[in-house]
Structures are given as structure tokens and as C-alpha cells.
Amino acid sequence: MGSKRDSPVNVLSQWLRKRSMKVKIFLGTLLAFCALVVLKFTIKDSDFFFKASETIHIVGLIVLIYKLFAHKTCSGLSLKSQELTALFLTTRLGCSIYMESNIHTVLDLIFLLSTLLVIWLIRYRLKSSYMKEFDNMWLSFLVVPSTILAILIHPNTKHIWIARVLWAFTVYLETISILPQLRYMQKAKMIETFTGYYIFALGVSRFFALAYWIIHTYDTRGKYLYLIGHGYIWMLAALISEMIQSFILADFCYYYTKSFMQGQLLRKMPV
């Protein structure tokens, strides 16, 4: 019988380890491109991308909440990232009720309630395991620039000015809300397993959201970015925000996948 070491996954992981970083980046880009092609020719409902993104995000939250209740520890988790998430979700929920009121409003409500539960657990029930010394990024460094950018660049729709600014604020803040969590892990030089699952789910979630933009931009030959009634500056800013968030998470997802293929628990953060 073949040993576990001879399994296709182990053979592939060993082959990848021997490749240069340029080759790894190329293979990752090629894999993402192939996934985009498959999505383009198999998915006809554009709303699928948002539903898939939000569903995967919910799954990540469920895994995180399971970790908090089952293991009774919040080690490895950034409270400040969760607070930023609660802030942009609260703002987006209010905008969504006023501007849309659809299935996404319901999903945002589920996100918000789940995030508030996580915050409550960290602050009160599991506060003895919270490593505050690693979670020291100033939130004003993220909130203030997002506010200023939202005032300057926001959608040009029929809704009142403040609603349009708040909607843009949620887009910009969501883009960088994961930074305190990544900084936490870099300072602690470790990633708790279930926290890794959660962030990986965020990375996959953002891939589906970015796929929507790329496919629609391609299908409309770039006209989607100049959508009448929204303003091309806002559309470009929204696309760039999606790209930035995806790239922020891409590095983590790479190391997560590498460790998973090697059959190792993700514990140490490459620095």
C-alpha cells in the first residue's frame, strides 16, 4: 500500500515548495484566472456572486463562534477588527434599509448580530484570554481616512447626500477592517487554527465579490465602470477597494493553503 506521504496532495505540496516565489505567484494567478473563466461561463445570475460571498462570510462567522463557545478562549482574535466590522455593518444595514431592503439587508442583519455576539464574548465572557497587548492598532487611523474618502468620493444616486456618503464609508472601512487582525497575528507570530479558518473564509468571500466586478467589467467592455447615475470615479474607487481587500487577504490565504496541503495545523505566521 502506498504511504500517506505518497498521496497526490503531499506530492503536489512538495513540488510547490521547490518552486520559486515567482512561479508560485504565477500559478496562483493562473488558478484564479481559471476560476474566473469557469464562473463566467457557468453562472448567469449576477446576484449569485454577492450571495456566495455573504454565505461564505456567514460560514466563517459560524466557525469563529463555534471556536469561542467550544474552546472557551478568544486567543488569536482581534477585538478591534470585530468592532470595525460591527461599525461598517451597522452603517450598511441602515443604508440598506433605506436604499434597498432586500435579501442583502437580511444577510447584513445576520452578520451584525453574529459580530455583536463575538464582541460580547471577547469583552465579557472570555476577556481573560484576550491578548490586548497584540491588539493595539488605533482605530481612528482607519475610520478617519475612510470618512474623508467617503465625503470626497461616493455614489451619485437619487438618494440623500448623507446616505450616499455613509454607503461609501462602509465600502472603504470594510476594505481595511481586517488590518488589526493581521497586525495582531504578525505581532503574536501565530495564528490560532479556527481564526485561520475564519480569515480564509473572508479571503474566499472577497474573491467572489471581486469576481463579480471583473466579469461585469469584461462583459460591458469597461462601460460598467462608467455607469450613468453612479459616476465613474465612485465605480473605480469601489473596484479598487475590492482589489485592495482581496490582495490584503491573498497573502494569508496562500500560507493557509500551503500549510493545509502539508497536513499541518496553521500555527506560525511567516514574517
Protein backbone atom coordinates (compact mmCIF):
# COMPACT_ATOMS: atom_id res chain seq x y z
CA MET A 1 0.00 0.00 0.00
CA GLY A 2 1.17 3.50 -0.74
CA SER A 3 2.11 5.58 2.27
CA LYS A 4 0.30 8.73 3.22
CA ARG A 5 3.43 10.61 2.25
CA ASP A 6 2.95 9.41 -1.35
CA SER A 7 -0.55 10.85 -1.64
CA PRO A 8 -1.18 13.25 -4.54
CA VAL A 9 -1.66 16.16 -2.13
CA ASN A 10 1.73 15.59 -0.49
CA VAL A 11 3.45 15.11 -3.84
CA LEU A 12 1.94 18.34 -5.13
CA SER A 13 2.84 20.27 -1.95
CA GLN A 14 6.45 19.04 -2.14
CA TRP A 15 6.63 20.07 -5.78
CA LEU A 16 5.28 23.53 -4.94
CA ARG A 17 7.77 24.01 -2.10
CA LYS A 18 10.64 23.61 -4.57
CA ARG A 19 9.33 26.29 -6.92
CA SER A 20 10.45 29.92 -6.76
CA MET A 21 8.16 32.67 -5.43
CA LYS A 22 7.66 33.99 -8.98
CA VAL A 23 6.43 30.57 -10.11
CA LYS A 24 4.11 30.31 -7.11
CA ILE A 25 2.65 33.74 -7.81
CA PHE A 26 2.19 32.82 -11.48
CA LEU A 27 0.44 29.54 -10.58
CA GLY A 28 -1.79 31.31 -8.08
CA THR A 29 -2.73 33.93 -10.66
CA LEU A 30 -3.38 31.22 -13.24
CA LEU A 31 -5.62 29.32 -10.82
CA ALA A 32 -7.59 32.48 -10.03
CA PHE A 33 -7.95 33.22 -13.76
CA CYS A 34 -9.22 29.69 -14.45
CA ALA A 35 -11.73 30.06 -11.62
CA LEU A 36 -12.95 33.34 -13.13
CA VAL A 37 -13.40 31.72 -16.55
CA VAL A 38 -15.39 28.86 -15.02
CA LEU A 39 -17.60 31.31 -13.09
CA LYS A 40 -18.18 33.45 -16.17
CA PHE A 41 -19.45 30.56 -18.31
CA THR A 42 -21.39 28.71 -15.59
CA ILE A 43 -23.04 31.49 -13.56
CA LYS A 44 -25.73 33.53 -15.30
CA ASP A 45 -27.32 35.22 -12.27
CA SER A 46 -25.07 38.14 -11.29
CA ASP A 47 -26.60 38.22 -7.81
CA PHE A 48 -25.07 34.79 -7.19
CA PHE A 49 -21.66 36.35 -6.56
CA PHE A 50 -22.93 38.55 -3.73
CA LYS A 51 -24.97 35.72 -2.21
CA ALA A 52 -21.99 33.35 -2.40
CA SER A 53 -19.70 35.97 -0.87
CA GLU A 54 -22.08 36.68 2.00
CA THR A 55 -22.85 32.98 2.59
CA ILE A 56 -19.17 32.09 2.87
CA HIS A 57 -18.71 35.02 5.25
CA ILE A 58 -21.52 33.65 7.42
CA VAL A 59 -19.89 30.19 7.42
CA GLY A 60 -16.65 31.80 8.60
CA LEU A 61 -18.50 33.53 11.42
CA ILE A 62 -20.18 30.28 12.45
CA VAL A 63 -16.76 28.60 12.66
CA LEU A 64 -15.48 31.50 14.75
CA ILE A 65 -18.44 31.42 17.14
CA TYR A 66 -18.06 27.64 17.49
CA LYS A 67 -14.42 28.16 18.49
CA LEU A 68 -15.40 30.72 21.13
CA PHE A 69 -18.09 28.56 22.70
CA ALA A 70 -16.41 25.15 22.37
CA HIS A 71 -12.84 26.10 23.26
CA LYS A 72 -13.77 28.91 25.66
CA THR A 73 -10.90 31.12 24.51
CA CYS A 74 -10.58 34.14 22.23
CA SER A 75 -6.80 33.93 21.90
CA GLY A 76 -5.61 34.88 18.44
CA LEU A 77 -8.64 37.05 17.75
CA SER A 78 -8.59 40.84 17.32
CA LEU A 79 -11.40 42.64 19.13
CA LYS A 80 -10.70 45.81 17.16
CA SER A 81 -11.27 44.09 13.81
CA GLN A 82 -14.61 42.83 15.12
CA GLU A 83 -15.53 46.33 16.33
CA LEU A 84 -14.70 47.81 12.91
CA THR A 85 -16.81 45.08 11.32
CA ALA A 86 -19.72 45.92 13.62
CA LEU A 87 -19.34 49.61 12.74
CA PHE A 88 -19.47 49.20 8.98
CA LEU A 89 -22.23 46.56 9.23
CA THR A 90 -24.41 48.83 11.40
CA THR A 91 -23.91 51.68 8.94
CA ARG A 92 -24.52 49.47 5.91
CA LEU A 93 -27.63 47.94 7.46
CA GLY A 94 -29.13 51.39 7.99
CA CYS A 95 -28.29 52.39 4.42
CA SER A 96 -29.61 49.10 3.08
CA ILE A 97 -32.96 49.50 4.86
CA TYR A 98 -33.30 52.99 3.40
CA MET A 99 -31.90 52.33 -0.09
CA GLU A 100 -32.63 48.66 -0.91
CA SER A 101 -34.44 46.48 1.67
CA ASN A 102 -33.77 43.11 0.01
CA ILE A 103 -32.12 39.77 0.82
CA HIS A 104 -28.80 41.53 1.40
CA THR A 105 -30.42 43.54 4.20
CA VAL A 106 -31.36 40.29 5.94
CA LEU A 107 -27.86 38.88 5.48
CA ASP A 108 -26.32 42.09 6.85
CA LEU A 109 -28.56 41.77 9.91
CA ILE A 110 -27.32 38.19 10.45
CA PHE A 111 -23.72 39.40 10.06
CA LEU A 112 -24.24 42.20 12.55
CA LEU A 113 -25.90 40.05 15.22
CA SER A 114 -23.19 37.39 14.87
CA THR A 115 -20.43 40.01 15.10
CA LEU A 116 -22.02 41.60 18.17
CA LEU A 117 -22.12 38.16 19.79
CA VAL A 118 -18.40 37.70 19.08
CA ILE A 119 -17.65 41.14 20.57
CA TRP A 120 -19.70 40.35 23.69
CA LEU A 121 -17.90 37.05 24.16
CA ILE A 122 -14.45 38.66 23.84
CA ARG A 123 -15.27 41.64 26.07
CA TYR A 124 -17.05 39.83 28.87
CA ARG A 125 -17.25 36.03 28.88
CA LEU A 126 -13.74 35.30 27.54
CA LYS A 127 -11.91 38.50 28.43
CA SER A 128 -9.28 36.64 30.49
CA SER A 129 -7.92 35.02 27.29
CA TYR A 130 -7.95 38.25 25.23
CA MET A 131 -4.38 39.33 24.40
CA LYS A 132 -4.82 43.09 24.42
CA GLU A 133 -1.11 43.80 24.07
CA PHE A 134 -1.15 42.46 20.50
CA ASP A 135 -4.34 44.32 19.54
CA ASN A 136 -3.18 47.93 19.77
CA MET A 137 -3.86 49.45 16.36
CA TRP A 138 -5.57 52.84 16.67
CA LEU A 139 -8.99 52.61 15.06
CA SER A 140 -9.00 56.35 14.29
CA PHE A 141 -6.19 55.70 11.77
CA LEU A 142 -8.68 53.62 9.80
CA VAL A 143 -12.03 55.30 10.49
CA VAL A 144 -10.97 58.91 9.82
CA PRO A 145 -9.40 58.32 6.36
CA SER A 146 -12.42 56.19 5.38
CA THR A 147 -14.74 59.05 6.39
CA ILE A 148 -12.76 61.68 4.47
CA LEU A 149 -12.59 59.49 1.36
CA ALA A 150 -16.34 58.80 1.56
CA ILE A 151 -17.09 62.53 1.66
CA LEU A 152 -14.89 63.11 -1.39
CA ILE A 153 -15.87 60.03 -3.45
CA HIS A 154 -19.34 58.50 -3.16
CA PRO A 155 -22.12 57.27 -5.49
CA ASN A 156 -24.16 59.84 -7.39
CA THR A 157 -27.66 58.41 -7.00
CA LYS A 158 -31.10 59.84 -6.23
CA HIS A 159 -30.76 59.19 -2.50
CA ILE A 160 -29.93 61.93 0.02
CA TRP A 161 -26.31 63.02 0.30
CA ILE A 162 -25.66 61.60 3.78
CA ALA A 163 -26.94 58.13 2.75
CA ARG A 164 -24.59 58.08 -0.25
CA VAL A 165 -21.63 59.16 1.89
CA LEU A 166 -22.41 56.55 4.55
CA TRP A 167 -22.67 53.83 1.90
CA ALA A 168 -19.24 54.77 0.54
CA PHE A 169 -17.89 54.82 4.10
CA THR A 170 -18.95 51.20 4.61
CA VAL A 171 -17.16 50.15 1.40
CA TYR A 172 -13.89 51.84 2.38
CA LEU A 173 -13.97 50.72 6.02
CA GLU A 174 -14.77 47.11 5.09
CA THR A 175 -11.69 47.10 2.86
CA ILE A 176 -9.30 47.76 5.76
CA SER A 177 -11.27 46.32 8.70
CA ILE A 178 -9.14 43.14 8.68
CA LEU A 179 -5.87 45.06 9.21
CA PRO A 180 -5.99 44.97 13.06
CA GLN A 181 -6.43 41.17 12.87
CA LEU A 182 -3.48 40.74 10.50
CA ARG A 183 -1.33 43.08 12.61
CA TYR A 184 -2.32 41.09 15.70
CA MET A 185 -1.14 37.85 14.11
CA GLN A 186 2.10 39.39 12.89
CA LYS A 187 2.94 40.71 16.36
CA ALA A 188 1.97 37.45 18.07
CA LYS A 189 3.75 35.43 15.34
CA MET A 190 0.98 32.84 15.47
CA ILE A 191 -2.40 32.04 14.00
CA GLU A 192 -4.92 30.13 16.08
CA THR A 193 -6.43 27.38 13.94
CA PHE A 194 -10.07 28.48 13.98
CA THR A 195 -9.09 32.11 13.48
CA GLY A 196 -7.22 30.92 10.39
CA TYR A 197 -10.36 29.21 9.11
CA TYR A 198 -12.32 32.45 9.61
CA ILE A 199 -9.84 34.65 7.75
CA PHE A 200 -9.51 32.12 4.94
CA ALA A 201 -13.31 32.21 4.58
CA LEU A 202 -13.07 36.00 4.33
CA GLY A 203 -10.49 35.63 1.56
CA VAL A 204 -12.72 33.28 -0.45
CA SER A 205 -15.67 35.58 0.20
CA ARG A 206 -13.79 38.56 -1.24
CA PHE A 207 -12.76 36.51 -4.29
CA PHE A 208 -16.42 36.06 -5.24
CA ALA A 209 -17.09 39.76 -4.73
CA LEU A 210 -14.10 40.73 -6.87
CA ALA A 211 -15.09 38.15 -9.50
CA TYR A 212 -18.40 39.99 -9.94
CA TRP A 213 -16.57 43.24 -10.72
CA ILE A 214 -14.06 41.67 -13.10
CA ILE A 215 -16.65 39.67 -15.05
CA HIS A 216 -19.09 42.59 -15.34
CA THR A 217 -16.33 44.96 -16.40
CA TYR A 218 -15.24 42.47 -19.07
CA ASP A 219 -18.78 41.79 -20.31
CA THR A 220 -19.52 45.51 -20.70
CA ARG A 221 -16.08 46.24 -22.21
CA GLY A 222 -15.32 48.58 -19.33
CA LYS A 223 -18.60 50.52 -19.56
CA TYR A 224 -19.69 49.16 -16.17
CA LEU A 225 -17.07 51.40 -14.55
CA TYR A 226 -18.69 54.43 -16.19
CA LEU A 227 -22.23 53.53 -15.17
CA ILE A 228 -24.52 56.54 -15.67
CA GLY A 229 -26.04 57.72 -12.41
CA HIS A 230 -23.19 56.46 -10.25
CA GLY A 231 -20.19 58.39 -11.54
CA TYR A 232 -17.06 56.76 -12.89
CA ILE A 233 -14.86 57.96 -10.02
CA TRP A 234 -17.04 56.13 -7.48
CA MET A 235 -17.20 52.95 -9.55
CA LEU A 236 -13.43 52.92 -9.94
CA ALA A 237 -12.98 53.60 -6.24
CA ALA A 238 -15.30 50.71 -5.35
CA LEU A 239 -13.42 48.36 -7.69
CA ILE A 240 -10.04 49.43 -6.29
CA SER A 241 -11.39 48.86 -2.76
CA GLU A 242 -12.37 45.31 -3.67
CA MET A 243 -8.95 44.69 -5.19
CA ILE A 244 -7.10 46.07 -2.16
CA GLN A 245 -9.10 43.94 0.25
CA SER A 246 -8.54 40.86 -1.89
CA PHE A 247 -4.79 41.44 -2.06
CA ILE A 248 -4.62 42.06 1.70
CA LEU A 249 -6.13 38.61 2.27
CA ALA A 250 -4.37 36.87 -0.64
CA ASP A 251 -1.04 36.54 1.17
CA PHE A 252 -2.68 34.96 4.20
CA CYS A 253 -4.71 32.56 2.01
CA TYR A 254 -1.51 31.49 0.26
CA TYR A 255 0.18 30.45 3.50
CA TYR A 256 -3.03 28.87 4.77
CA THR A 257 -3.34 26.71 1.63
CA LYS A 258 0.35 25.82 1.80
CA SER A 259 0.05 24.62 5.40
CA PHE A 260 -3.20 22.78 4.66
CA MET A 261 -1.62 20.89 1.76
CA GLN A 262 1.27 19.91 4.02
CA GLY A 263 -1.21 18.50 6.54
CA GLN A 264 -0.06 20.91 9.23
CA LEU A 265 -2.10 23.00 11.62
CA LEU A 266 -1.62 26.67 10.89
CA ARG A 267 0.17 27.99 13.94
CA LYS A 268 3.02 30.32 12.98
CA MET A 269 2.76 33.39 10.83
CA PRO A 270 5.53 33.74 8.20
CA VAL A 271 7.36 37.03 8.83
